[in-house]
Amino acid sequence: MSYTLYPLRKSRLQRSELAVPGSNPTMIEKALASAADYVFLDCEDAVAPPDKEQARKNIIQALNDLDWRGAGKTVSVRINGLDTHYCCRDVVDIVEQAGAKLDTILIPKVGTYADVYAIESFVSQIEVAKGLPNKIGMEALIETPLGMANVESIASANSRLEAMHFGVADYAAFNKARTVVIGGLNPDYPGDQWHFALSRMTVACRAFGLRPIDGPFGDFSDPAGYTAGAKRAAALGIEGKWAIHPSQIELANEVFSPTPKEIERAERILAALKEAEAQGKGAASLDGKMIDAASEKMANNLLATAAAIKKGEAARSKAA
């Protein structure tokens, strides 16, 4: 093990991340009552230019009026990109007027660490000026070739960054990739054409203490396709996936939740290793398979996720 270690910067339950356009107050209210772990209120792609200003006002009102934390949810806002004239007002108005109720800001099309730094510089000043009791986290949406080329330097920088998301739609467009459906597989490609990007982003996240999150799957009439994509992401170590439609929330929650069988085996792994340690052994055998310190880490990770899910479900049940 290297002497250089980067612990997880912030642990949050993020199995399902519901995308909600800020221009639709009805959908925002429904999101509060949903089973999603995480909700991001969108100022960017889901909002048409004429509706940007009203969407921002709707989001501010929703942050202030609705009890997101009491409902066991993390709430985020996706601002408009730094290359637009909407970005500054998104940050200033939302953080000044509702920053105390905001958990994170999702920054779209991050290409370099400087993009994250620019948003942080404004947020830090506003937090001090307003005396906000909380420190707002940052999340980077990696959806351009530049962002993927710089993913390690973005992840490694000293910042408020907590998570990275893979924005497959814009990533495909910028790369001029031939796609069939957003986040889906092209039958002309022998395998998963998104594997490299997802894997590279995940490794960067895990190296520097961030949470890796998969992005959207566009065909919400294809639950099997969504589930397959979520399972591929989970196999790589990704913690959750976007839901662009309420029907996708439960699919994500199921894929990214440990099963009762997995929880039971994790508990048995820890018990077997504890018994082996008492006998002066560094490894043990369970169900005909070797287990060791790495098995212990994986078991603890799984049990920590299970505990977080239980806590979130209790909060939602209380709010209901």
C-alpha atoms as a PDB file:
ATOM      1  CA  MET A   1       0.000   0.000   0.000  1.00  0.00           C
ATOM      2  CA  SER A   2       1.323   3.423  -0.904  1.00  0.00           C
ATOM      3  CA  TYR A   3       2.000   5.816   1.942  1.00  0.00           C
ATOM      4  CA  THR A   4      -0.018   8.366  -0.052  1.00  0.00           C
ATOM      5  CA  LEU A   5      -3.705   7.830   0.648  1.00  0.00           C
ATOM      6  CA  TYR A   6      -6.815   9.851  -0.246  1.00  0.00           C
ATOM      7  CA  PRO A   7      -9.754   8.960   2.008  1.00  0.00           C
ATOM      8  CA  LEU A   8     -13.334   9.329   0.845  1.00  0.00           C
ATOM      9  CA  ARG A   9     -14.100  13.044   0.974  1.00  0.00           C
ATOM     10  CA  LYS A  10     -17.812  12.694   1.666  1.00  0.00           C
ATOM     11  CA  SER A  11     -20.075   9.683   1.999  1.00  0.00           C
ATOM     12  CA  ARG A  12     -23.596  10.083   0.615  1.00  0.00           C
ATOM     13  CA  LEU A  13     -26.187   7.520  -0.432  1.00  0.00           C
ATOM     14  CA  GLN A  14     -26.533   8.048  -4.184  1.00  0.00           C
ATOM     15  CA  ARG A  15     -27.976   4.869  -5.701  1.00  0.00           C
ATOM     16  CA  SER A  16     -30.654   6.763  -7.625  1.00  0.00           C
ATOM     17  CA  GLU A  17     -30.336  10.364  -8.739  1.00  0.00           C
ATOM     18  CA  LEU A  18     -33.562  11.872 -10.029  1.00  0.00           C
ATOM     19  CA  ALA A  19     -33.172  14.657 -12.588  1.00  0.00           C
ATOM     20  CA  VAL A  20     -35.907  17.294 -12.271  1.00  0.00           C
ATOM     21  CA  PRO A  21     -36.307  20.358 -14.519  1.00  0.00           C
ATOM     22  CA  GLY A  22     -36.453  23.541 -12.490  1.00  0.00           C
ATOM     23  CA  SER A  23     -39.105  24.851 -14.856  1.00  0.00           C
ATOM     24  CA  ASN A  24     -41.668  22.320 -13.570  1.00  0.00           C
ATOM     25  CA  PRO A  25     -42.727  22.973  -9.930  1.00  0.00           C
ATOM     26  CA  THR A  26     -45.136  20.017  -9.958  1.00  0.00           C
ATOM     27  CA  MET A  27     -42.327  17.597 -10.773  1.00  0.00           C
ATOM     28  CA  ILE A  28     -40.167  19.146  -8.066  1.00  0.00           C
ATOM     29  CA  GLU A  29     -42.830  18.490  -5.423  1.00  0.00           C
ATOM     30  CA  LYS A  30     -43.278  14.916  -6.648  1.00  0.00           C
ATOM     31  CA  ALA A  31     -39.504  14.379  -6.423  1.00  0.00           C
ATOM     32  CA  LEU A  32     -39.625  15.092  -2.689  1.00  0.00           C
ATOM     33  CA  ALA A  33     -42.035  12.189  -2.170  1.00  0.00           C
ATOM     34  CA  SER A  34     -40.142   9.796  -4.458  1.00  0.00           C
ATOM     35  CA  ALA A  35     -37.894   6.921  -3.427  1.00  0.00           C
ATOM     36  CA  ALA A  36     -34.827   8.609  -4.956  1.00  0.00           C
ATOM     37  CA  ASP A  37     -31.816   8.990  -2.693  1.00  0.00           C
ATOM     38  CA  TYR A  38     -30.669  12.087  -4.505  1.00  0.00           C
ATOM     39  CA  VAL A  39     -32.439  14.812  -6.467  1.00  0.00           C
ATOM     40  CA  PHE A  40     -30.858  17.398  -8.705  1.00  0.00           C
ATOM     41  CA  LEU A  41     -32.927  20.385  -9.708  1.00  0.00           C
ATOM     42  CA  ASP A  42     -31.871  21.342 -13.194  1.00  0.00           C
ATOM     43  CA  CYS A  43     -31.121  24.805 -14.542  1.00  0.00           C
ATOM     44  CA  GLU A  44     -29.297  23.493 -17.610  1.00  0.00           C
ATOM     45  CA  ASP A  45     -30.252  21.104 -20.419  1.00  0.00           C
ATOM     46  CA  ALA A  46     -33.781  20.291 -19.215  1.00  0.00           C
ATOM     47  CA  VAL A  47     -34.744  23.979 -19.244  1.00  0.00           C
ATOM     48  CA  ALA A  48     -35.366  25.977 -22.448  1.00  0.00           C
ATOM     49  CA  PRO A  49     -33.591  29.391 -22.658  1.00  0.00           C
ATOM     50  CA  PRO A  50     -36.790  31.447 -22.259  1.00  0.00           C
ATOM     51  CA  ASP A  51     -37.534  29.563 -19.015  1.00  0.00           C
ATOM     52  CA  LYS A  52     -34.081  29.839 -17.377  1.00  0.00           C
ATOM     53  CA  GLU A  53     -34.882  32.767 -15.094  1.00  0.00           C
ATOM     54  CA  GLN A  54     -38.185  31.336 -13.885  1.00  0.00           C
ATOM     55  CA  ALA A  55     -36.596  27.921 -13.355  1.00  0.00           C
ATOM     56  CA  ARG A  56     -33.993  29.534 -11.104  1.00  0.00           C
ATOM     57  CA  LYS A  57     -36.742  31.202  -9.066  1.00  0.00           C
ATOM     58  CA  ASN A  58     -38.666  27.916  -8.815  1.00  0.00           C
ATOM     59  CA  ILE A  59     -35.562  26.142  -7.537  1.00  0.00           C
ATOM     60  CA  ILE A  60     -34.905  28.778  -4.889  1.00  0.00           C
ATOM     61  CA  GLN A  61     -38.482  28.489  -3.668  1.00  0.00           C
ATOM     62  CA  ALA A  62     -38.367  24.695  -3.665  1.00  0.00           C
ATOM     63  CA  LEU A  63     -35.122  24.628  -1.689  1.00  0.00           C
ATOM     64  CA  ASN A  64     -36.524  26.977   0.920  1.00  0.00           C
ATOM     65  CA  ASP A  65     -40.065  25.612   1.170  1.00  0.00           C
ATOM     66  CA  LEU A  66     -39.576  21.841   0.955  1.00  0.00           C
ATOM     67  CA  ASP A  67     -37.898  19.736   3.648  1.00  0.00           C
ATOM     68  CA  TRP A  68     -35.442  17.721   1.551  1.00  0.00           C
ATOM     69  CA  ARG A  69     -33.251  16.625   4.435  1.00  0.00           C
ATOM     70  CA  GLY A  70     -36.243  15.640   6.531  1.00  0.00           C
ATOM     71  CA  ALA A  71     -37.301  13.428   3.631  1.00  0.00           C
ATOM     72  CA  GLY A  72     -33.926  11.689   3.727  1.00  0.00           C
ATOM     73  CA  LYS A  73     -32.722  13.187   0.448  1.00  0.00           C
ATOM     74  CA  THR A  74     -29.615  14.916  -0.745  1.00  0.00           C
ATOM     75  CA  VAL A  75     -30.559  17.870  -2.941  1.00  0.00           C
ATOM     76  CA  SER A  76     -28.328  19.331  -5.625  1.00  0.00           C
ATOM     77  CA  VAL A  77     -28.649  21.942  -8.354  1.00  0.00           C
ATOM     78  CA  ARG A  78     -27.187  21.555 -11.830  1.00  0.00           C
ATOM     79  CA  ILE A  79     -26.195  25.041 -12.876  1.00  0.00           C
ATOM     80  CA  ASN A  80     -25.690  26.208 -16.430  1.00  0.00           C
ATOM     81  CA  GLY A  81     -22.223  25.896 -17.934  1.00  0.00           C
ATOM     82  CA  LEU A  82     -19.435  28.391 -17.388  1.00  0.00           C
ATOM     83  CA  ASP A  83     -19.553  29.241 -21.094  1.00  0.00           C
ATOM     84  CA  THR A  84     -23.095  30.655 -20.744  1.00  0.00           C
ATOM     85  CA  HIS A  85     -24.357  33.972 -19.417  1.00  0.00           C
ATOM     86  CA  TYR A  86     -26.716  32.120 -17.061  1.00  0.00           C
ATOM     87  CA  CYS A  87     -24.036  30.518 -14.888  1.00  0.00           C
ATOM     88  CA  CYS A  88     -23.101  33.491 -12.696  1.00  0.00           C
ATOM     89  CA  ARG A  89     -26.693  34.304 -11.778  1.00  0.00           C
ATOM     90  CA  ASP A  90     -27.424  30.628 -11.088  1.00  0.00           C
ATOM     91  CA  VAL A  91     -24.637  30.473  -8.518  1.00  0.00           C
ATOM     92  CA  VAL A  92     -25.115  33.877  -6.930  1.00  0.00           C
ATOM     93  CA  ASP A  93     -28.923  33.883  -6.718  1.00  0.00           C
ATOM     94  CA  ILE A  94     -29.341  30.276  -5.593  1.00  0.00           C
ATOM     95  CA  VAL A  95     -26.547  30.254  -3.018  1.00  0.00           C
ATOM     96  CA  GLU A  96     -27.382  33.706  -1.639  1.00  0.00           C
ATOM     97  CA  GLN A  97     -31.099  32.982  -1.330  1.00  0.00           C
ATOM     98  CA  ALA A  98     -31.170  29.255  -0.551  1.00  0.00           C
ATOM     99  CA  GLY A  99     -27.606  28.110   0.113  1.00  0.00           C
ATOM    100  CA  ALA A 100     -28.382  26.920   3.631  1.00  0.00           C
ATOM    101  CA  LYS A 101     -30.731  24.302   2.147  1.00  0.00           C
ATOM    102  CA  LEU A 102     -28.404  23.155  -0.662  1.00  0.00           C
ATOM    103  CA  ASP A 103     -26.128  20.116  -0.368  1.00  0.00           C
ATOM    104  CA  THR A 104     -24.150  20.231  -3.617  1.00  0.00           C
ATOM    105  CA  ILE A 105     -23.759  22.012  -6.927  1.00  0.00           C
ATOM    106  CA  LEU A 106     -23.446  19.879 -10.059  1.00  0.00           C
ATOM    107  CA  ILE A 107     -21.159  21.621 -12.553  1.00  0.00           C
ATOM    108  CA  PRO A 108     -21.794  20.598 -16.181  1.00  0.00           C
ATOM    109  CA  LYS A 109     -19.170  20.005 -18.857  1.00  0.00           C
ATOM    110  CA  VAL A 110     -16.189  20.288 -16.540  1.00  0.00           C
ATOM    111  CA  GLY A 111     -13.093  20.339 -18.721  1.00  0.00           C
ATOM    112  CA  THR A 112     -10.331  21.356 -16.316  1.00  0.00           C
ATOM    113  CA  TYR A 113      -9.921  21.848 -12.577  1.00  0.00           C
ATOM    114  CA  ALA A 114     -10.142  25.613 -13.185  1.00  0.00           C
ATOM    115  CA  ASP A 115     -13.855  25.147 -13.963  1.00  0.00           C
ATOM    116  CA  VAL A 116     -14.432  23.745 -10.480  1.00  0.00           C
ATOM    117  CA  TYR A 117     -12.244  26.436  -8.923  1.00  0.00           C
ATOM    118  CA  ALA A 118     -14.233  29.198 -10.606  1.00  0.00           C
ATOM    119  CA  ILE A 119     -17.525  28.040  -9.081  1.00  0.00           C
ATOM    120  CA  GLU A 120     -15.932  27.402  -5.690  1.00  0.00           C
ATOM    121  CA  SER A 121     -14.508  30.915  -5.565  1.00  0.00           C
ATOM    122  CA  PHE A 122     -18.000  32.425  -5.821  1.00  0.00           C
ATOM    123  CA  VAL A 123     -19.560  29.939  -3.412  1.00  0.00           C
ATOM    124  CA  SER A 124     -16.866  30.470  -0.771  1.00  0.00           C
ATOM    125  CA  GLN A 125     -17.372  34.224  -0.836  1.00  0.00           C
ATOM    126  CA  ILE A 126     -21.145  33.929  -0.573  1.00  0.00           C
ATOM    127  CA  GLU A 127     -20.943  31.439   2.287  1.00  0.00           C
ATOM    128  CA  VAL A 128     -18.823  33.878   4.295  1.00  0.00           C
ATOM    129  CA  ALA A 129     -20.918  36.912   3.400  1.00  0.00           C
ATOM    130  CA  LYS A 130     -24.176  35.172   4.299  1.00  0.00           C
ATOM    131  CA  GLY A 131     -22.800  33.228   7.267  1.00  0.00           C
ATOM    132  CA  LEU A 132     -24.102  29.956   5.881  1.00  0.00           C
ATOM    133  CA  PRO A 133     -23.967  27.118   8.428  1.00  0.00           C
ATOM    134  CA  ASN A 134     -23.100  24.474   5.837  1.00  0.00           C
ATOM    135  CA  LYS A 135     -20.311  23.962   3.331  1.00  0.00           C
ATOM    136  CA  ILE A 136     -21.753  23.286  -0.118  1.00  0.00           C
ATOM    137  CA  GLY A 137     -20.125  20.400  -1.962  1.00  0.00           C
ATOM    138  CA  MET A 138     -19.222  20.274  -5.656  1.00  0.00           C
ATOM    139  CA  GLU A 139     -19.843  17.543  -8.215  1.00  0.00           C
ATOM    140  CA  ALA A 140     -18.315  17.447 -11.684  1.00  0.00           C
ATOM    141  CA  LEU A 141     -20.160  16.256 -14.754  1.00  0.00           C
ATOM    142  CA  ILE A 142     -17.584  14.651 -17.059  1.00  0.00           C
ATOM    143  CA  GLU A 143     -19.185  14.824 -20.497  1.00  0.00           C
ATOM    144  CA  THR A 144     -16.565  16.176 -22.886  1.00  0.00           C
ATOM    145  CA  PRO A 145     -13.344  14.788 -24.354  1.00  0.00           C
ATOM    146  CA  LEU A 146     -11.443  17.544 -22.526  1.00  0.00           C
ATOM    147  CA  GLY A 147     -12.977  16.562 -19.224  1.00  0.00           C
ATOM    148  CA  MET A 148     -12.134  12.888 -19.735  1.00  0.00           C
ATOM    149  CA  ALA A 149      -8.587  13.764 -20.837  1.00  0.00           C
ATOM    150  CA  ASN A 150      -8.164  15.745 -17.592  1.00  0.00           C
ATOM    151  CA  VAL A 151     -10.201  13.520 -15.297  1.00  0.00           C
ATOM    152  CA  GLU A 152      -7.263  12.613 -13.036  1.00  0.00           C
ATOM    153  CA  SER A 153      -6.116  16.201 -12.560  1.00  0.00           C
ATOM    154  CA  ILE A 154      -9.686  17.324 -11.831  1.00  0.00           C
ATOM    155  CA  ALA A 155     -10.146  14.538  -9.282  1.00  0.00           C
ATOM    156  CA  SER A 156      -6.784  15.069  -7.577  1.00  0.00           C
ATOM    157  CA  ALA A 157      -7.064  18.820  -7.022  1.00  0.00           C
ATOM    158  CA  ASN A 158      -7.641  20.178  -3.534  1.00  0.00           C
ATOM    159  CA  SER A 159     -11.280  21.214  -3.817  1.00  0.00           C
ATOM    160  CA  ARG A 160     -14.798  20.717  -2.508  1.00  0.00           C
ATOM    161  CA  LEU A 161     -15.364  18.065  -5.143  1.00  0.00           C
ATOM    162  CA  GLU A 162     -17.268  15.034  -3.822  1.00  0.00           C
ATOM    163  CA  ALA A 163     -18.336  13.130  -6.914  1.00  0.00           C
ATOM    164  CA  MET A 164     -17.997  12.760 -10.654  1.00  0.00           C
ATOM    165  CA  HIS A 165     -20.842  11.885 -13.017  1.00  0.00           C
ATOM    166  CA  PHE A 166     -20.513  10.434 -16.504  1.00  0.00           C
ATOM    167  CA  GLY A 167     -22.604  12.488 -18.931  1.00  0.00           C
ATOM    168  CA  VAL A 168     -22.936   9.989 -21.730  1.00  0.00           C
ATOM    169  CA  ALA A 169     -25.160  12.057 -24.053  1.00  0.00           C
ATOM    170  CA  ASP A 170     -22.872  15.047 -24.513  1.00  0.00           C
ATOM    171  CA  TYR A 171     -19.818  12.778 -24.336  1.00  0.00           C
ATOM    172  CA  ALA A 172     -21.149  10.865 -27.326  1.00  0.00           C
ATOM    173  CA  ALA A 173     -21.993  14.060 -29.187  1.00  0.00           C
ATOM    174  CA  PHE A 174     -18.600  15.687 -28.610  1.00  0.00           C
ATOM    175  CA  ASN A 175     -16.829  12.494 -29.683  1.00  0.00           C
ATOM    176  CA  LYS A 176     -19.108  12.151 -32.718  1.00  0.00           C
ATOM    177  CA  ALA A 177     -19.938   8.653 -31.564  1.00  0.00           C
ATOM    178  CA  ARG A 178     -22.639   6.696 -33.337  1.00  0.00           C
ATOM    179  CA  THR A 179     -25.311   5.883 -30.810  1.00  0.00           C
ATOM    180  CA  VAL A 180     -28.712   4.243 -30.808  1.00  0.00           C
ATOM    181  CA  VAL A 181     -30.111   5.574 -27.518  1.00  0.00           C
ATOM    182  CA  ILE A 182     -28.593   7.769 -24.809  1.00  0.00           C
ATOM    183  CA  GLY A 183     -26.522   5.461 -22.641  1.00  0.00           C
ATOM    184  CA  GLY A 184     -27.400   2.389 -24.669  1.00  0.00           C
ATOM    185  CA  LEU A 185     -25.178   0.058 -26.647  1.00  0.00           C
ATOM    186  CA  ASN A 186     -24.547   0.295 -30.364  1.00  0.00           C
ATOM    187  CA  PRO A 187     -24.945  -3.187 -31.877  1.00  0.00           C
ATOM    188  CA  ASP A 188     -22.126  -2.409 -34.314  1.00  0.00           C
ATOM    189  CA  TYR A 189     -19.659  -2.175 -31.425  1.00  0.00           C
ATOM    190  CA  PRO A 190     -18.361  -5.511 -30.074  1.00  0.00           C
ATOM    191  CA  GLY A 191     -19.116  -4.911 -26.394  1.00  0.00           C
ATOM    192  CA  ASP A 192     -19.779  -1.835 -24.274  1.00  0.00           C
ATOM    193  CA  GLN A 193     -18.616   1.333 -26.026  1.00  0.00           C
ATOM    194  CA  TRP A 194     -18.829   3.289 -22.719  1.00  0.00           C
ATOM    195  CA  HIS A 195     -16.679   0.877 -20.719  1.00  0.00           C
ATOM    196  CA  PHE A 196     -13.395   2.760 -21.122  1.00  0.00           C
ATOM    197  CA  ALA A 197     -14.854   6.118 -20.115  1.00  0.00           C
ATOM    198  CA  LEU A 198     -16.752   4.741 -17.128  1.00  0.00           C
ATOM    199  CA  SER A 199     -13.760   2.736 -15.960  1.00  0.00           C
ATOM    200  CA  ARG A 200     -11.330   5.632 -16.300  1.00  0.00           C
ATOM    201  CA  MET A 201     -13.599   7.998 -14.396  1.00  0.00           C
ATOM    202  CA  THR A 202     -14.217   5.405 -11.684  1.00  0.00           C
ATOM    203  CA  VAL A 203     -10.497   4.789 -11.163  1.00  0.00           C
ATOM    204  CA  ALA A 204      -9.857   8.544 -10.905  1.00  0.00           C
ATOM    205  CA  CYS A 205     -12.644   8.857  -8.358  1.00  0.00           C
ATOM    206  CA  ARG A 206     -11.484   5.942  -6.247  1.00  0.00           C
ATOM    207  CA  ALA A 207      -7.858   7.084  -6.351  1.00  0.00           C
ATOM    208  CA  PHE A 208      -8.717  10.501  -4.945  1.00  0.00           C
ATOM    209  CA  GLY A 209     -11.692   9.880  -2.666  1.00  0.00           C
ATOM    210  CA  LEU A 210     -14.658  10.786  -4.874  1.00  0.00           C
ATOM    211  CA  ARG A 211     -17.947   9.005  -5.571  1.00  0.00           C
ATOM    212  CA  PRO A 212     -18.388   7.804  -9.200  1.00  0.00           C
ATOM    213  CA  ILE A 213     -21.943   8.081 -10.568  1.00  0.00           C
ATOM    214  CA  ASP A 214     -23.280   6.890 -13.925  1.00  0.00           C
ATOM    215  CA  GLY A 215     -25.447   9.214 -15.985  1.00  0.00           C
ATOM    216  CA  PRO A 216     -28.692   8.840 -17.944  1.00  0.00           C
ATOM    217  CA  PHE A 217     -30.307   6.098 -19.971  1.00  0.00           C
ATOM    218  CA  GLY A 218     -32.593   7.804 -22.443  1.00  0.00           C
ATOM    219  CA  ASP A 219     -35.191   5.137 -23.267  1.00  0.00           C
ATOM    220  CA  PHE A 220     -37.364   5.073 -20.138  1.00  0.00           C
ATOM    221  CA  SER A 221     -39.689   2.592 -21.893  1.00  0.00           C
ATOM    222  CA  ASP A 222     -36.857   0.018 -21.750  1.00  0.00           C
ATOM    223  CA  PRO A 223     -36.385  -1.018 -18.102  1.00  0.00           C
ATOM    224  CA  ALA A 224     -34.319  -4.042 -19.118  1.00  0.00           C
ATOM    225  CA  GLY A 225     -31.849  -1.829 -20.991  1.00  0.00           C
ATOM    226  CA  TYR A 226     -31.612   0.555 -18.044  1.00  0.00           C
ATOM    227  CA  THR A 227     -31.048  -2.290 -15.590  1.00  0.00           C
ATOM    228  CA  ALA A 228     -28.368  -3.858 -17.788  1.00  0.00           C
ATOM    229  CA  GLY A 229     -26.506  -0.546 -17.985  1.00  0.00           C
ATOM    230  CA  ALA A 230     -26.771  -0.043 -14.234  1.00  0.00           C
ATOM    231  CA  LYS A 231     -25.414  -3.539 -13.596  1.00  0.00           C
ATOM    232  CA  ARG A 232     -22.437  -2.908 -15.883  1.00  0.00           C
ATOM    233  CA  ALA A 233     -21.712   0.303 -13.987  1.00  0.00           C
ATOM    234  CA  ALA A 234     -22.085  -1.366 -10.587  1.00  0.00           C
ATOM    235  CA  ALA A 235     -19.652  -4.093 -11.635  1.00  0.00           C
ATOM    236  CA  LEU A 236     -17.015  -1.393 -12.150  1.00  0.00           C
ATOM    237  CA  GLY A 237     -17.560   0.077  -8.681  1.00  0.00           C
ATOM    238  CA  ILE A 238     -19.927   2.926  -9.551  1.00  0.00           C
ATOM    239  CA  GLU A 239     -22.278   3.872  -6.704  1.00  0.00           C
ATOM    240  CA  GLY A 240     -25.424   4.959  -8.518  1.00  0.00           C
ATOM    241  CA  LYS A 241     -27.135   6.093 -11.695  1.00  0.00           C
ATOM    242  CA  TRP A 242     -29.330   8.929 -12.893  1.00  0.00           C
ATOM    243  CA  ALA A 243     -33.066   8.487 -13.255  1.00  0.00           C
ATOM    244  CA  ILE A 244     -34.528  10.764 -15.915  1.00  0.00           C
ATOM    245  CA  HIS A 245     -37.983   9.292 -15.288  1.00  0.00           C
ATOM    246  CA  PRO A 246     -39.565   8.213 -11.972  1.00  0.00           C
ATOM    247  CA  SER A 247     -39.905   4.645 -13.267  1.00  0.00           C
ATOM    248  CA  GLN A 248     -36.112   4.333 -13.244  1.00  0.00           C
ATOM    249  CA  ILE A 249     -35.718   5.121  -9.533  1.00  0.00           C
ATOM    250  CA  GLU A 250     -36.605   1.691  -8.211  1.00  0.00           C
ATOM    251  CA  LEU A 251     -34.493   0.030 -10.903  1.00  0.00           C
ATOM    252  CA  ALA A 252     -31.423   1.959  -9.749  1.00  0.00           C
ATOM    253  CA  ASN A 253     -32.157   1.369  -6.068  1.00  0.00           C
ATOM    254  CA  GLU A 254     -32.421  -2.360  -6.665  1.00  0.00           C
ATOM    255  CA  VAL A 255     -29.206  -2.669  -8.682  1.00  0.00           C
ATOM    256  CA  PHE A 256     -27.073  -0.578  -6.337  1.00  0.00           C
ATOM    257  CA  SER A 257     -28.408  -2.111  -3.108  1.00  0.00           C
ATOM    258  CA  PRO A 258     -26.778  -5.179  -1.557  1.00  0.00           C
ATOM    259  CA  THR A 259     -29.103  -8.171  -1.429  1.00  0.00           C
ATOM    260  CA  PRO A 260     -29.958  -9.944   1.856  1.00  0.00           C
ATOM    261  CA  LYS A 261     -27.771 -12.829   0.687  1.00  0.00           C
ATOM    262  CA  GLU A 262     -24.828 -10.497   0.092  1.00  0.00           C
ATOM    263  CA  ILE A 263     -25.289  -8.874   3.498  1.00  0.00           C
ATOM    264  CA  GLU A 264     -25.418 -12.250   5.209  1.00  0.00           C
ATOM    265  CA  ARG A 265     -22.234 -13.374   3.459  1.00  0.00           C
ATOM    266  CA  ALA A 266     -20.436 -10.130   4.352  1.00  0.00           C
ATOM    267  CA  GLU A 267     -21.254 -10.690   8.008  1.00  0.00           C
ATOM    268  CA  ARG A 268     -19.987 -14.274   7.763  1.00  0.00           C
ATOM    269  CA  ILE A 269     -16.754 -13.064   6.130  1.00  0.00           C
ATOM    270  CA  LEU A 270     -16.059 -10.716   9.031  1.00  0.00           C
ATOM    271  CA  ALA A 271     -16.846 -13.420  11.571  1.00  0.00           C
ATOM    272  CA  ALA A 272     -14.595 -15.960   9.815  1.00  0.00           C
ATOM    273  CA  LEU A 273     -11.690 -13.516   9.596  1.00  0.00           C
ATOM    274  CA  LYS A 274     -12.074 -12.572  13.237  1.00  0.00           C
ATOM    275  CA  GLU A 275     -11.904 -16.241  14.158  1.00  0.00           C
ATOM    276  CA  ALA A 276      -8.832 -16.721  11.924  1.00  0.00           C
ATOM    277  CA  GLU A 277      -7.137 -13.724  13.547  1.00  0.00           C
ATOM    278  CA  ALA A 278      -7.673 -15.267  16.980  1.00  0.00           C
ATOM    279  CA  GLN A 279      -5.839 -18.331  15.664  1.00  0.00           C
ATOM    280  CA  GLY A 280      -2.960 -16.213  14.365  1.00  0.00           C
ATOM    281  CA  LYS A 281      -3.954 -16.564  10.712  1.00  0.00           C
ATOM    282  CA  GLY A 282      -4.094 -13.754   8.137  1.00  0.00           C
ATOM    283  CA  ALA A 283      -6.513 -15.516   5.824  1.00  0.00           C
ATOM    284  CA  ALA A 284      -9.380 -17.965   6.114  1.00  0.00           C
ATOM    285  CA  SER A 285     -11.644 -20.197   4.069  1.00  0.00           C
ATOM    286  CA  LEU A 286     -15.371 -19.643   3.638  1.00  0.00           C
ATOM    287  CA  ASP A 287     -17.617 -21.791   1.476  1.00  0.00           C
ATOM    288  CA  GLY A 288     -14.561 -23.335  -0.151  1.00  0.00           C
ATOM    289  CA  LYS A 289     -13.050 -19.946  -1.110  1.00  0.00           C
ATOM    290  CA  MET A 290     -10.122 -18.040   0.342  1.00  0.00           C
ATOM    291  CA  ILE A 291     -10.861 -14.763   2.115  1.00  0.00           C
ATOM    292  CA  ASP A 292      -8.343 -12.234   3.408  1.00  0.00           C
ATOM    293  CA  ALA A 293      -7.877  -8.535   4.229  1.00  0.00           C
ATOM    294  CA  ALA A 294      -9.234  -7.485   0.824  1.00  0.00           C
ATOM    295  CA  SER A 295     -12.350  -9.554   1.487  1.00  0.00           C
ATOM    296  CA  GLU A 296     -12.744  -7.729   4.790  1.00  0.00           C
ATOM    297  CA  LYS A 297     -12.597  -4.328   3.050  1.00  0.00           C
ATOM    298  CA  MET A 298     -15.234  -5.372   0.517  1.00  0.00           C
ATOM    299  CA  ALA A 299     -17.474  -6.760   3.252  1.00  0.00           C
ATOM    300  CA  ASN A 300     -17.204  -3.558   5.288  1.00  0.00           C
ATOM    301  CA  ASN A 301     -17.990  -1.457   2.189  1.00  0.00           C
ATOM    302  CA  LEU A 302     -21.107  -3.497   1.516  1.00  0.00           C
ATOM    303  CA  LEU A 303     -22.313  -3.328   5.115  1.00  0.00           C
ATOM    304  CA  ALA A 304     -21.732   0.435   5.223  1.00  0.00           C
ATOM    305  CA  THR A 305     -23.938   0.815   2.135  1.00  0.00           C
ATOM    306  CA  ALA A 306     -26.617  -1.368   3.710  1.00  0.00           C
ATOM    307  CA  ALA A 307     -26.551   0.766   6.875  1.00  0.00           C
ATOM    308  CA  ALA A 308     -26.872   3.978   4.843  1.00  0.00           C
ATOM    309  CA  ILE A 309     -29.840   2.550   2.922  1.00  0.00           C
ATOM    310  CA  LYS A 310     -31.551   1.567   6.174  1.00  0.00           C
ATOM    311  CA  LYS A 311     -31.025   5.063   7.562  1.00  0.00           C
ATOM    312  CA  GLY A 312     -32.392   6.692   4.395  1.00  0.00           C
ATOM    313  CA  GLU A 313     -35.450   4.460   4.340  1.00  0.00           C
ATOM    314  CA  ALA A 314     -36.151   5.280   7.989  1.00  0.00           C
ATOM    315  CA  ALA A 315     -36.006   9.012   7.211  1.00  0.00           C
ATOM    316  CA  ARG A 316     -38.379   8.620   4.248  1.00  0.00           C
ATOM    317  CA  SER A 317     -40.784   6.545   6.325  1.00  0.00           C
ATOM    318  CA  LYS A 318     -40.801   9.158   9.078  1.00  0.00           C
ATOM    319  CA  ALA A 319     -41.379  11.980   6.582  1.00  0.00           C
ATOM    320  CA  ALA A 320     -44.296  10.103   5.025  1.00  0.00           C
END
